[in-house]
């Protein structure tokens, strides 16, 4: 398993160099607006001013810094050292005092001596983790009693499809690691890079059960028939900032959101 993590770390370090300069992430625009968040996560979390927020698997920090700009005191975690290095430099450049820590998400609690009002993760995260129970334990341990956890991610049904989004290729359930070699990045398909990555599919029941088994209370769950990002092949835009798979518009679920709370102490 350690070899899998090292391979994925190399994959994400390679993608980081492309993604920082991509039109997809629009870094120059972000430096002006200080907001990379979609409406979905902003509506689900609401006002974060004055709250502490832990962002798991934060990539190079745009969303973490966006929450920081909205008044939260943020800590971002990611295992790609080049992504975290850039996140720190971006925070300094923008004078946004978020903290960034480089570690495997499973080791998060070893690097923190505090808990948070909010734990947050989004868009393409838990598919890189083999064990959701271990992940949910980290979420629960990092939350204050009465705190909120939010995950917004791409729907696991999408990960059953091939890379062209035209046919079923993988099982819905977590049977075996899925090993793929890809050219380019989802943020720049023409980038001259070639990487191999390892992922794991997780059913919605696995995700929700892991959170409940680790003491969290399910507060809200929704599925969406669109993606907030145009990061898949063979898509069409149905609205400003909303994308669906061509010829499958309104047929496939493309995102889900789960909001949980940690019960207060008696």
Protein backbone atom coordinates (compact mmCIF):
# COMPACT_ATOMS: atom_id res chain seq x y z
CA UNK A 1 0.00 0.00 0.00
CA UNK A 2 2.89 2.37 0.72
CA UNK A 3 4.05 1.92 -2.88
CA UNK A 4 0.57 2.90 -4.08
CA UNK A 5 0.69 6.08 -2.01
CA UNK A 6 4.15 6.95 -3.32
CA UNK A 7 2.96 6.44 -6.90
CA UNK A 8 -0.05 8.68 -6.30
CA UNK A 9 2.11 11.30 -4.62
CA UNK A 10 4.32 11.39 -7.71
CA UNK A 11 1.19 11.61 -9.87
CA UNK A 12 -0.13 14.63 -7.96
CA UNK A 13 3.23 16.38 -7.79
CA UNK A 14 3.44 16.06 -11.57
CA UNK A 15 -0.12 17.34 -12.06
CA UNK A 16 0.49 20.25 -9.68
CA UNK A 17 3.04 21.84 -12.01
CA UNK A 18 0.49 21.71 -14.85
CA UNK A 19 -2.58 22.65 -12.84
CA UNK A 20 -1.11 25.80 -11.31
CA UNK A 21 -0.72 27.33 -14.78
CA UNK A 22 -3.88 25.89 -16.36
CA UNK A 23 -6.91 27.80 -17.59
CA UNK A 24 -8.99 25.33 -15.58
CA UNK A 25 -7.70 26.70 -12.27
CA UNK A 26 -7.40 30.29 -13.59
CA UNK A 27 -4.85 31.19 -10.95
CA UNK A 28 -4.45 34.81 -12.08
CA UNK A 29 -8.19 35.35 -11.75
CA UNK A 30 -8.20 33.64 -8.37
CA UNK A 31 -5.56 36.06 -7.10
CA UNK A 32 -7.96 38.90 -7.92
CA UNK A 33 -11.23 37.39 -6.70
CA UNK A 34 -9.87 35.25 -3.82
CA UNK A 35 -12.71 32.81 -4.45
CA UNK A 36 -12.50 29.46 -6.23
CA UNK A 37 -15.54 27.95 -4.52
CA UNK A 38 -18.70 26.83 -6.28
CA UNK A 39 -22.15 27.87 -5.13
CA UNK A 40 -22.88 24.33 -3.92
CA UNK A 41 -20.34 24.20 -1.11
CA UNK A 42 -20.93 27.81 -0.13
CA UNK A 43 -24.68 27.17 0.29
CA UNK A 44 -24.15 23.92 2.18
CA UNK A 45 -21.67 25.39 4.67
CA UNK A 46 -23.12 28.87 4.92
CA UNK A 47 -21.35 31.53 6.95
CA UNK A 48 -17.92 30.31 8.07
CA UNK A 49 -16.74 33.60 9.60
CA UNK A 50 -14.91 33.04 12.87
CA UNK A 51 -14.91 29.25 12.55
CA UNK A 52 -11.94 26.92 12.36
CA UNK A 53 -11.88 24.79 9.19
CA UNK A 54 -9.78 21.77 8.27
CA UNK A 55 -9.57 21.10 4.53
CA UNK A 56 -8.52 17.52 3.78
CA UNK A 57 -6.76 16.79 0.46
CA UNK A 58 -6.59 20.48 -0.44
CA UNK A 59 -4.35 20.23 -3.56
CA UNK A 60 -2.52 23.58 -3.95
CA UNK A 61 -4.83 25.50 -1.68
CA UNK A 62 -7.18 27.64 -3.73
CA UNK A 63 -10.32 26.48 -1.92
CA UNK A 64 -8.61 26.57 1.47
CA UNK A 65 -7.60 30.17 0.87
CA UNK A 66 -11.09 30.98 -0.38
CA UNK A 67 -12.59 29.83 2.92
CA UNK A 68 -9.87 31.78 4.73
CA UNK A 69 -10.85 34.91 2.80
CA UNK A 70 -14.47 34.31 3.85
CA UNK A 71 -13.45 34.55 7.48
CA UNK A 72 -12.60 31.00 8.53
CA UNK A 73 -9.29 30.10 10.13
CA UNK A 74 -8.11 27.35 7.81
CA UNK A 75 -5.69 24.46 7.79
CA UNK A 76 -5.09 22.55 4.56
CA UNK A 77 -3.76 19.00 4.35
CA UNK A 78 -2.32 17.30 1.27
CA UNK A 79 0.30 14.63 0.66
CA UNK A 80 1.81 16.21 -2.49
CA UNK A 81 4.77 18.23 -1.21
CA UNK A 82 4.96 20.41 -4.33
CA UNK A 83 1.28 21.29 -4.00
CA UNK A 84 1.70 22.24 -0.34
CA UNK A 85 4.85 24.26 -1.10
CA UNK A 86 2.93 26.29 -3.67
CA UNK A 87 -0.07 26.65 -1.33
CA UNK A 88 2.20 28.17 1.31
CA UNK A 89 3.73 30.60 -1.19
CA UNK A 90 0.26 31.54 -2.48
CA UNK A 91 -0.99 32.18 1.05
CA UNK A 92 1.99 34.44 1.70
CA UNK A 93 1.56 36.28 -1.60
CA UNK A 94 -2.13 36.93 -0.89
CA UNK A 95 -1.60 37.70 2.79
CA UNK A 96 -4.07 35.00 3.83
CA UNK A 97 -2.78 33.33 7.03
CA UNK A 98 -3.94 29.78 6.38
CA UNK A 99 -1.77 26.90 7.58
CA UNK A 100 -0.72 24.12 5.21
CA UNK A 101 0.62 20.72 6.25
CA UNK A 102 2.08 18.05 3.99
CA UNK A 103 1.05 14.56 5.07
CA UNK A 104 -1.02 11.55 4.09
CA UNK A 105 -4.63 12.22 5.07
CA UNK A 106 -4.56 9.12 7.27
CA UNK A 107 -1.76 10.74 9.32
CA UNK A 108 -3.56 14.07 9.79
CA UNK A 109 -4.09 13.70 13.53
CA UNK A 110 -0.37 13.11 14.08
CA UNK A 111 0.30 16.63 12.79
CA UNK A 112 -2.43 18.49 14.69
CA UNK A 113 -3.01 19.28 18.35
CA UNK A 114 -6.44 20.88 17.93
CA UNK A 115 -9.92 20.14 16.67
CA UNK A 116 -12.08 22.12 14.25
CA UNK A 117 -15.57 23.55 13.87
CA UNK A 118 -15.64 22.32 10.26
CA UNK A 119 -13.92 19.50 8.40
CA UNK A 120 -14.29 19.81 4.64
CA UNK A 121 -13.27 17.85 1.55
CA UNK A 122 -14.37 18.08 -2.06
CA UNK A 123 -14.17 17.04 -5.71
CA UNK A 124 -12.00 14.02 -6.44
CA UNK A 125 -10.66 13.17 -2.99
CA UNK A 126 -11.69 9.89 -1.38
CA UNK A 127 -11.19 7.86 -4.54
CA UNK A 128 -7.47 7.97 -3.72
CA UNK A 129 -8.03 6.25 -0.37
CA UNK A 130 -8.37 2.47 0.04
CA UNK A 131 -9.91 2.46 3.54
CA UNK A 132 -12.89 4.74 4.22
CA UNK A 133 -13.31 3.65 7.83
CA UNK A 134 -9.81 4.91 8.56
CA UNK A 135 -10.59 8.16 6.73
CA UNK A 136 -13.88 8.68 8.61
CA UNK A 137 -12.06 8.11 11.90
CA UNK A 138 -9.75 11.02 11.02
CA UNK A 139 -12.76 13.21 10.22
CA UNK A 140 -14.43 12.37 13.54
CA UNK A 141 -11.28 12.83 15.58
CA UNK A 142 -10.57 16.23 14.04
CA UNK A 143 -14.08 17.60 14.63
CA UNK A 144 -15.14 19.46 17.76
CA UNK A 145 -18.33 18.22 19.44
CA UNK A 146 -21.13 20.02 17.63
CA UNK A 147 -18.91 20.50 14.58
CA UNK A 148 -19.83 20.01 10.92
CA UNK A 149 -18.37 17.74 8.27
CA UNK A 150 -19.08 18.35 4.58
CA UNK A 151 -18.02 16.33 1.57
CA UNK A 152 -19.00 17.30 -1.96
CA UNK A 153 -17.58 14.96 -4.54
CA UNK A 154 -18.14 13.38 -7.92
CA UNK A 155 -20.67 10.60 -7.81
CA UNK A 156 -19.27 7.04 -7.59
CA UNK A 157 -21.41 6.02 -10.59
CA UNK A 158 -19.13 8.19 -12.76
CA UNK A 159 -16.09 6.15 -11.76
CA UNK A 160 -17.70 3.07 -13.31
CA UNK A 161 -17.24 4.61 -16.77
CA UNK A 162 -14.18 4.52 -19.00
CA UNK A 163 -12.13 7.68 -19.49
CA UNK A 164 -14.14 8.61 -22.58
CA UNK A 165 -17.31 8.48 -20.46
CA UNK A 166 -19.01 6.22 -23.00
CA UNK A 167 -19.14 2.72 -21.51
CA UNK A 168 -19.09 0.84 -18.21
CA UNK A 169 -15.61 -0.40 -17.32
CA UNK A 170 -15.22 -0.63 -13.54
CA UNK A 171 -17.29 -2.09 -10.67
CA UNK A 172 -19.37 0.20 -8.48
CA UNK A 173 -18.01 -1.45 -5.35
CA UNK A 174 -14.49 -1.40 -3.93
CA UNK A 175 -13.26 -4.74 -5.23
CA UNK A 176 -9.64 -4.11 -6.29
CA UNK A 177 -7.35 -1.13 -6.84
CA UNK A 178 -7.86 0.53 -10.21
CA UNK A 179 -4.52 1.28 -11.88
CA UNK A 180 -4.49 3.68 -14.83
CA UNK A 181 -1.87 5.41 -16.96
CA UNK A 182 -2.96 8.74 -18.42
CA UNK A 183 -1.60 11.46 -20.66
CA UNK A 184 -2.08 15.07 -19.63
CA UNK A 185 -4.11 16.36 -16.71
CA UNK A 186 -7.84 16.79 -16.18
CA UNK A 187 -6.98 20.50 -16.03
CA UNK A 188 -5.00 20.47 -19.29
CA UNK A 189 -5.49 17.43 -21.50
CA UNK A 190 -2.76 18.63 -23.87
CA UNK A 191 -0.09 18.80 -21.19
CA UNK A 192 2.97 16.75 -22.12
CA UNK A 193 2.99 14.48 -19.08
CA UNK A 194 2.35 10.79 -18.49
CA UNK A 195 1.46 9.48 -15.06
CA UNK A 196 0.23 6.29 -13.46
CA UNK A 197 -2.23 6.47 -10.58
CA UNK A 198 -4.09 4.07 -8.31
CA UNK A 199 -7.66 4.62 -7.18
CA UNK A 200 -10.45 2.85 -5.31
CA UNK A 201 -14.17 3.02 -6.02
CA UNK A 202 -16.45 3.55 -3.01
CA UNK A 203 -20.21 3.11 -3.01
CA UNK A 204 -22.44 5.71 -1.37
CA UNK A 205 -23.39 3.17 1.28
CA UNK A 206 -19.70 2.63 2.12
CA UNK A 207 -19.16 6.39 2.48
CA UNK A 208 -22.21 7.02 4.66
CA UNK A 209 -21.72 3.89 6.76
CA UNK A 210 -18.08 4.78 7.49
CA UNK A 211 -19.11 8.22 8.77
CA UNK A 212 -21.97 6.86 10.91
CA UNK A 213 -19.82 4.03 12.29
CA UNK A 214 -17.34 6.65 13.51
CA UNK A 215 -19.95 8.50 15.52
CA UNK A 216 -21.13 11.16 13.09
CA UNK A 217 -24.80 12.00 12.55
CA UNK A 218 -26.08 12.31 8.99
CA UNK A 219 -27.79 15.69 8.62
CA UNK A 220 -28.28 16.06 4.88
CA UNK A 221 -27.61 14.11 1.70
CA UNK A 222 -28.21 15.11 -1.93
CA UNK A 223 -27.32 13.90 -5.42
CA UNK A 224 -26.95 16.12 -8.49
CA UNK A 225 -27.33 15.33 -12.20
CA UNK A 226 -24.55 17.73 -13.19
CA UNK A 227 -20.91 18.51 -12.43
CA UNK A 228 -19.74 21.91 -11.28
CA UNK A 229 -16.54 21.33 -13.26
CA UNK A 230 -15.82 20.51 -16.86
CA UNK A 231 -13.16 17.96 -15.95
CA UNK A 232 -14.55 14.92 -17.77
CA UNK A 233 -14.40 14.04 -21.43
CA UNK A 234 -17.46 14.04 -23.69
CA UNK A 235 -19.42 16.67 -21.74
CA UNK A 236 -21.88 19.40 -22.69
CA UNK A 237 -22.64 22.58 -20.80
CA UNK A 238 -26.28 22.78 -19.71
CA UNK A 239 -26.03 26.00 -17.72
CA UNK A 240 -23.39 28.45 -16.58
CA UNK A 241 -20.93 26.31 -14.63
CA UNK A 242 -22.92 23.07 -14.95
CA UNK A 243 -21.91 20.12 -17.14
CA UNK A 244 -23.41 16.75 -18.06
CA UNK A 245 -22.21 13.75 -20.06
CA UNK A 246 -23.19 14.08 -23.72
CA UNK A 247 -26.16 11.88 -24.67
CA UNK A 248 -26.72 11.10 -20.98
CA UNK A 249 -28.02 14.50 -19.90
CA UNK A 250 -30.21 14.12 -16.84
CA UNK A 251 -29.63 10.35 -16.76
CA UNK A 252 -26.51 9.95 -14.61
CA UNK A 253 -25.86 11.31 -11.12
CA UNK A 254 -22.65 13.34 -11.33
CA UNK A 255 -22.12 14.75 -7.83
CA UNK A 256 -23.27 14.11 -4.28
CA UNK A 257 -23.06 16.03 -1.03
CA UNK A 258 -23.10 14.66 2.51
CA UNK A 259 -23.31 16.86 5.60
CA UNK A 260 -22.77 15.37 9.06
CA UNK A 261 -22.46 16.66 12.59
CA UNK A 262 -20.53 15.39 15.57
CA UNK A 263 -22.85 15.05 18.58
CA UNK A 264 -22.20 17.42 21.46
CA UNK A 265 -20.92 16.02 24.72
CA UNK A 266 -23.54 15.44 27.42
